[in-house]
Amino acid sequence: MTFDGEVSAETMEKAWSDPRLANVLYHDWEASTYDEKWSISYDERCISYARDRFVHIAGQSEWPYQRSLEIGCGTGFFTLNLHQAGVMSEAAVTDISPGMVTVAQRNARGLGFEVDGRVADAERVPYDDEEFDLVIGHAVLHHIPDVEQAMSEALRVLKPGGRFVFCGEPTQRGDYVARSLSRMTWWATSQAAGLPVVGEKFVLSESEREESSRVAALESVVDIHTFDPADLRRTALRAGAIEVETVTEELTASWFGWPVRTFEAAVKPGVLGWGWAKFAYRGWQTLATVDEQVFERVVPEGLFYNVCITGVKP
């Protein structure tokens, strides 16, 4: 990925101080490679992951929801995998990035169904009042300048009694730890680039690492918020929701997962192989289970990496 193409230098300069523009540019650039970058698939592995995240916060007693809307859909990871899991019968998606909406709809067609897709700001959702039974999002609230307004919009388009579910949002303390571990991993891997044979064979070149660092710099613009779970609950209540609940996820799993992801980003594509992919996924999966079954009962919620939130429209 590069920051070249048809984007002018003036537009790029403006993006550093305009989070909305930065989100459009960054996610358009990411759209074609996003699934590969984050190991997203639309098979049982990610169907199970998405289903488990949803059930952890919202249960499954109301399945299937008749019609759902995803805000900030990206390439369709959450909606398409939840659709395959039987969470909803019909789905629509929005994203501020035209590129992401295009890829999400293409991914849906590849799975044998269609989703309605619209390019939209989360603070101004282009649907009528009370159109949906469910509104969802995954790793989206931290990109939105006015989170309370986005939640108000989610409630506006929900039918009375409808539910919203947002998963995968970074907590303040969890994000700090994860980014610190990532920086240390990036530094260590960069040092390995200078080793004879090993560096040349496995690690990205200096110019490739510099390009990746530029991507990370823009990520700091599009990642606007981290959350305190209690504050996020209060935001949803102010927006008008009832029955608001949060759960937190990934303590040791994030301590493992973020260094692994950073290491993968620093090495040349294809050198790690399927054995590494199985090790990384199974390691994360094991630790996530330990986090849920053990640490969630005893560790303060603000120390976990992710917070998920749900609420209902009165």
Protein backbone atom coordinates (compact mmCIF):
# COMPACT_ATOMS: atom_id res chain seq x y z
CA MET A 1 0.00 0.00 0.00
CA THR A 2 1.24 3.50 -0.81
CA PHE A 3 -0.14 6.99 -0.37
CA ASP A 4 0.24 7.83 -4.05
CA GLY A 5 -2.33 7.46 -6.82
CA GLU A 6 -4.85 10.23 -7.46
CA VAL A 7 -4.74 11.83 -3.99
CA SER A 8 -3.14 15.28 -4.17
CA ALA A 9 -0.46 16.45 -1.78
CA GLU A 10 -2.84 19.18 -0.59
CA THR A 11 -5.54 16.63 0.26
CA MET A 12 -3.03 14.44 2.08
CA GLU A 13 -1.83 17.41 4.12
CA LYS A 14 -5.40 18.29 5.07
CA ALA A 15 -6.07 14.70 6.17
CA TRP A 16 -3.59 14.96 9.05
CA SER A 17 -5.87 17.47 10.76
CA ASP A 18 -9.26 16.23 9.49
CA PRO A 19 -10.25 12.87 11.01
CA ARG A 20 -13.21 12.38 8.66
CA LEU A 21 -11.12 12.93 5.55
CA ALA A 22 -8.35 10.77 7.00
CA ASN A 23 -10.83 7.97 7.60
CA VAL A 24 -12.05 8.10 3.99
CA LEU A 25 -8.54 8.13 2.52
CA TYR A 26 -7.08 5.56 4.89
CA HIS A 27 -9.91 3.06 4.56
CA ASP A 28 -10.15 3.50 0.78
CA TRP A 29 -6.42 2.68 0.60
CA GLU A 30 -6.90 -0.29 2.91
CA ALA A 31 -10.03 -1.71 1.23
CA SER A 32 -8.37 -4.03 -1.29
CA THR A 33 -5.90 -5.52 1.21
CA TYR A 34 -7.80 -5.20 4.50
CA ASP A 35 -9.01 -8.79 4.74
CA GLU A 36 -5.52 -10.13 4.13
CA LYS A 37 -3.95 -7.69 6.59
CA TRP A 38 -6.25 -8.71 9.44
CA SER A 39 -6.62 -12.39 8.44
CA ILE A 40 -10.34 -11.91 7.82
CA SER A 41 -12.21 -14.79 6.25
CA TYR A 42 -15.82 -15.78 5.71
CA ASP A 43 -15.56 -19.40 6.77
CA GLU A 44 -16.15 -21.18 10.08
CA ARG A 45 -13.11 -19.57 11.74
CA CYS A 46 -14.42 -16.03 11.49
CA ILE A 47 -18.09 -17.03 11.61
CA SER A 48 -17.37 -18.51 15.05
CA TYR A 49 -15.37 -15.47 16.11
CA ALA A 50 -18.08 -12.98 15.10
CA ARG A 51 -20.87 -15.13 16.56
CA ASP A 52 -19.03 -15.54 19.88
CA ARG A 53 -18.42 -11.78 20.17
CA PHE A 54 -22.11 -11.09 19.54
CA VAL A 55 -23.35 -13.76 21.95
CA HIS A 56 -20.96 -12.61 24.67
CA ILE A 57 -22.66 -9.21 24.85
CA ALA A 58 -26.18 -9.78 23.48
CA GLY A 59 -27.00 -13.48 23.72
CA GLN A 60 -28.99 -15.26 21.01
CA SER A 61 -32.54 -15.38 22.28
CA GLU A 62 -33.76 -12.82 19.72
CA TRP A 63 -32.35 -14.57 16.63
CA PRO A 64 -32.92 -14.15 13.82
CA TYR A 65 -33.37 -10.39 13.69
CA GLN A 66 -35.37 -9.56 10.59
CA ARG A 67 -33.33 -6.62 9.31
CA SER A 68 -29.97 -5.30 10.46
CA LEU A 69 -27.76 -2.32 9.68
CA GLU A 70 -24.02 -2.16 10.19
CA ILE A 71 -22.37 1.21 10.76
CA GLY A 72 -18.76 1.33 9.59
CA CYS A 73 -18.89 -2.05 7.87
CA GLY A 74 -15.37 -2.16 6.46
CA THR A 75 -15.10 -5.13 4.14
CA GLY A 76 -18.16 -6.74 5.71
CA PHE A 77 -16.48 -8.92 8.35
CA PHE A 78 -19.10 -8.52 11.09
CA THR A 79 -22.29 -8.47 9.04
CA LEU A 80 -21.39 -11.20 6.56
CA ASN A 81 -20.17 -13.62 9.20
CA LEU A 82 -23.12 -12.92 11.50
CA HIS A 83 -25.50 -13.39 8.57
CA GLN A 84 -23.95 -16.79 7.92
CA ALA A 85 -24.29 -17.59 11.63
CA GLY A 86 -28.04 -16.93 11.43
CA VAL A 87 -28.14 -13.70 13.46
CA MET A 88 -30.16 -11.75 10.88
CA SER A 89 -32.31 -12.49 7.85
CA GLU A 90 -31.58 -9.33 5.85
CA ALA A 91 -28.65 -6.92 6.10
CA ALA A 92 -27.64 -3.40 5.08
CA VAL A 93 -24.21 -1.81 5.53
CA THR A 94 -22.76 1.69 5.58
CA ASP A 95 -19.24 3.05 5.70
CA ILE A 96 -17.65 6.46 5.24
CA SER A 97 -15.26 4.82 2.74
CA PRO A 98 -16.68 4.10 -0.75
CA GLY A 99 -13.96 1.51 -1.26
CA MET A 100 -15.00 -0.44 1.82
CA VAL A 101 -18.69 -0.47 0.82
CA THR A 102 -17.77 -1.78 -2.62
CA VAL A 103 -15.65 -4.60 -1.17
CA ALA A 104 -18.32 -5.51 1.41
CA GLN A 105 -20.97 -5.87 -1.29
CA ARG A 106 -18.58 -7.87 -3.48
CA ASN A 107 -17.77 -10.17 -0.57
CA ALA A 108 -21.50 -10.71 0.08
CA ARG A 109 -22.13 -11.63 -3.55
CA GLY A 110 -19.24 -14.08 -3.36
CA LEU A 111 -21.05 -15.77 -0.48
CA GLY A 112 -24.28 -16.00 -2.44
CA PHE A 113 -26.38 -13.15 -1.07
CA GLU A 114 -26.79 -9.39 -1.39
CA VAL A 115 -26.55 -6.55 1.12
CA ASP A 116 -27.76 -3.01 0.63
CA GLY A 117 -24.69 -0.77 0.82
CA ARG A 118 -24.51 3.01 1.22
CA VAL A 119 -21.62 5.42 1.69
CA ALA A 120 -22.43 7.41 4.81
CA ASP A 121 -21.12 9.21 7.85
CA ALA A 122 -22.09 7.41 11.06
CA GLU A 123 -23.43 10.67 12.46
CA ARG A 124 -25.92 11.03 9.54
CA VAL A 125 -27.27 7.60 8.65
CA PRO A 126 -29.19 7.65 5.31
CA TYR A 127 -32.16 5.54 6.41
CA ASP A 128 -35.60 6.43 7.70
CA ASP A 129 -36.75 6.23 11.29
CA GLU A 130 -37.52 2.78 12.70
CA GLU A 131 -36.29 0.75 9.71
CA PHE A 132 -34.20 -1.85 11.52
CA ASP A 133 -34.47 -4.48 14.22
CA LEU A 134 -30.71 -4.52 14.88
CA VAL A 135 -27.84 -2.05 14.45
CA ILE A 136 -24.29 -3.38 14.75
CA GLY A 137 -20.71 -2.23 14.46
CA HIS A 138 -17.27 -3.71 14.97
CA ALA A 139 -14.23 -1.57 15.79
CA VAL A 140 -16.01 1.54 14.51
CA LEU A 141 -16.91 3.83 17.44
CA HIS A 142 -13.28 4.78 18.05
CA HIS A 143 -13.16 6.25 14.52
CA ILE A 144 -16.24 8.48 14.94
CA PRO A 145 -15.78 12.10 16.10
CA ASP A 146 -19.16 12.35 17.89
CA VAL A 147 -19.90 8.95 19.42
CA GLU A 148 -23.06 10.11 21.20
CA GLN A 149 -24.52 11.44 17.95
CA ALA A 150 -23.71 8.16 16.20
CA MET A 151 -25.51 6.25 18.95
CA SER A 152 -28.48 8.62 18.64
CA GLU A 153 -28.61 7.84 14.92
CA ALA A 154 -28.46 4.12 15.64
CA LEU A 155 -31.42 4.49 17.98
CA ARG A 156 -33.32 6.64 15.46
CA VAL A 157 -33.25 3.98 12.76
CA LEU A 158 -34.11 1.16 15.19
CA LYS A 159 -37.66 0.04 15.73
CA PRO A 160 -38.96 0.32 19.31
CA GLY A 161 -37.47 -2.60 21.20
CA GLY A 162 -34.67 -2.92 18.64
CA ARG A 163 -31.13 -3.55 19.81
CA PHE A 164 -27.71 -2.11 18.98
CA VAL A 165 -24.46 -4.05 19.47
CA PHE A 166 -21.01 -2.51 19.09
CA CYS A 167 -17.99 -4.76 19.62
CA GLY A 168 -14.22 -4.49 19.44
CA GLU A 169 -13.69 -0.98 20.85
CA PRO A 170 -10.35 -0.24 22.55
CA THR A 171 -10.23 0.67 26.23
CA GLN A 172 -7.92 3.41 27.45
CA ARG A 173 -5.58 1.22 29.48
CA GLY A 174 -5.79 -1.81 27.22
CA ASP A 175 -4.90 0.25 24.16
CA TYR A 176 -1.92 1.82 25.93
CA VAL A 177 -0.49 -1.61 26.80
CA ALA A 178 -1.16 -3.02 23.33
CA ARG A 179 0.51 -0.10 21.55
CA SER A 180 3.50 -0.26 23.90
CA LEU A 181 3.97 -3.96 23.16
CA SER A 182 3.61 -3.28 19.43
CA ARG A 183 6.24 -0.55 19.49
CA MET A 184 8.69 -2.84 21.29
CA THR A 185 8.03 -5.64 18.83
CA TRP A 186 8.50 -3.31 15.85
CA TRP A 187 11.79 -2.06 17.28
CA ALA A 188 13.09 -5.59 17.94
CA THR A 189 12.12 -6.80 14.46
CA SER A 190 13.72 -3.74 12.87
CA GLN A 191 16.93 -4.53 14.71
CA ALA A 192 16.82 -8.06 13.33
CA ALA A 193 16.82 -6.57 9.83
CA GLY A 194 20.51 -5.81 10.30
CA LEU A 195 21.47 -9.41 11.01
CA PRO A 196 23.26 -11.33 8.25
CA VAL A 197 21.04 -13.64 6.18
CA VAL A 198 18.13 -13.49 8.64
CA GLY A 199 17.37 -9.83 8.02
CA GLU A 200 17.63 -10.07 4.25
CA LYS A 201 15.53 -13.24 4.05
CA PHE A 202 12.75 -12.49 6.51
CA VAL A 203 12.42 -8.80 7.39
CA LEU A 204 10.99 -6.01 5.22
CA SER A 205 13.50 -3.65 3.66
CA GLU A 206 14.13 -0.26 5.25
CA SER A 207 11.99 1.52 2.63
CA GLU A 208 9.14 -0.95 3.18
CA ARG A 209 9.35 -0.45 6.95
CA GLU A 210 9.28 3.32 6.45
CA GLU A 211 6.13 2.99 4.33
CA SER A 212 4.52 0.83 7.00
CA SER A 213 5.44 3.44 9.61
CA ARG A 214 3.67 6.10 7.53
CA VAL A 215 0.56 3.92 7.57
CA ALA A 216 0.83 3.62 11.35
CA ALA A 217 1.15 7.40 11.61
CA LEU A 218 -2.11 7.92 9.74
CA GLU A 219 -3.74 5.28 11.94
CA SER A 220 -3.08 7.63 14.86
CA VAL A 221 -5.30 10.19 13.10
CA VAL A 222 -8.19 7.85 12.29
CA ASP A 223 -8.12 6.21 15.74
CA ILE A 224 -9.76 9.08 17.61
CA HIS A 225 -10.96 7.54 20.87
CA THR A 226 -10.25 4.99 23.51
CA PHE A 227 -12.99 4.23 26.03
CA ASP A 228 -13.62 3.79 29.69
CA PRO A 229 -16.44 1.18 29.87
CA ALA A 230 -18.43 3.17 32.44
CA ASP A 231 -18.16 6.35 30.36
CA LEU A 232 -19.28 4.47 27.26
CA ARG A 233 -22.35 3.19 29.11
CA ARG A 234 -23.20 6.75 30.15
CA THR A 235 -22.83 7.93 26.55
CA ALA A 236 -25.37 5.35 25.38
CA LEU A 237 -27.80 6.32 28.15
CA ARG A 238 -27.53 10.02 27.22
CA ALA A 239 -28.27 9.07 23.61
CA GLY A 240 -31.56 7.57 24.79
CA ALA A 241 -30.86 3.84 25.11
CA ILE A 242 -32.19 1.59 27.86
CA GLU A 243 -30.95 -1.79 29.13
CA VAL A 244 -27.37 -0.70 28.43
CA GLU A 245 -24.67 -3.24 29.21
CA THR A 246 -20.96 -3.63 28.49
CA VAL A 247 -18.54 -6.53 28.59
CA THR A 248 -14.78 -6.41 28.19
CA GLU A 249 -12.60 -8.91 26.35
CA GLU A 250 -8.96 -9.76 25.64
CA LEU A 251 -6.47 -9.30 28.44
CA THR A 252 -3.70 -11.86 27.94
CA ALA A 253 -5.01 -12.46 24.41
CA SER A 254 -4.17 -8.85 23.50
CA TRP A 255 -0.74 -9.11 25.11
CA PHE A 256 -0.10 -12.01 22.75
CA GLY A 257 -2.06 -10.86 19.73
CA TRP A 258 -0.70 -7.37 19.19
CA PRO A 259 2.99 -8.36 19.19
CA VAL A 260 2.13 -11.20 16.82
CA ARG A 261 0.29 -8.82 14.46
CA THR A 262 3.16 -6.32 14.59
CA PHE A 263 5.72 -9.01 13.86
CA GLU A 264 3.65 -10.23 10.91
CA ALA A 265 3.53 -6.67 9.54
CA ALA A 266 7.31 -6.34 9.77
CA VAL A 267 8.29 -9.50 7.90
CA LYS A 268 8.08 -10.24 4.21
CA PRO A 269 4.77 -11.63 2.91
CA GLY A 270 4.65 -15.39 2.69
CA VAL A 271 7.69 -16.23 4.81
CA LEU A 272 5.85 -17.33 7.93
CA GLY A 273 3.62 -19.99 6.40
CA TRP A 274 0.56 -21.92 7.49
CA GLY A 275 2.23 -23.35 10.59
CA TRP A 276 2.73 -19.86 11.95
CA ALA A 277 -0.85 -18.90 11.12
CA LYS A 278 -2.19 -21.89 13.09
CA PHE A 279 0.09 -21.10 16.03
CA ALA A 280 -0.99 -17.44 16.08
CA TYR A 281 -4.71 -18.18 15.87
CA ARG A 282 -4.74 -21.05 18.34
CA GLY A 283 -2.57 -19.11 20.77
CA TRP A 284 -4.91 -16.14 20.66
CA GLN A 285 -7.98 -18.39 20.88
CA THR A 286 -6.67 -20.21 23.95
CA LEU A 287 -5.80 -17.01 25.79
CA ALA A 288 -9.13 -15.40 24.85
CA THR A 289 -10.92 -18.36 26.42
CA VAL A 290 -8.84 -18.04 29.59
CA ASP A 291 -9.61 -14.31 29.69
CA GLU A 292 -13.35 -14.93 29.39
CA GLN A 293 -13.63 -17.83 31.78
CA VAL A 294 -11.12 -16.72 34.43
CA PHE A 295 -9.83 -13.15 34.28
CA GLU A 296 -13.14 -11.44 33.47
CA ARG A 297 -14.33 -12.55 36.91
CA VAL A 298 -11.45 -11.00 38.87
CA VAL A 299 -9.68 -8.32 36.79
CA PRO A 300 -11.07 -4.74 36.60
CA GLU A 301 -12.88 -4.16 33.30
CA GLY A 302 -10.77 -1.18 32.30
CA LEU A 303 -7.62 -3.33 31.98
CA PHE A 304 -8.98 -5.41 29.12
CA TYR A 305 -8.26 -4.40 25.54
CA ASN A 306 -11.78 -4.49 24.07
CA VAL A 307 -15.12 -3.23 25.31
CA CYS A 308 -18.43 -4.27 23.74
CA ILE A 309 -21.71 -2.44 24.37
CA THR A 310 -25.39 -3.16 23.77
CA GLY A 311 -28.61 -1.29 24.43
CA VAL A 312 -32.25 -1.19 23.43
CA LYS A 313 -34.48 1.49 21.94
CA PRO A 314 -37.41 2.28 24.30
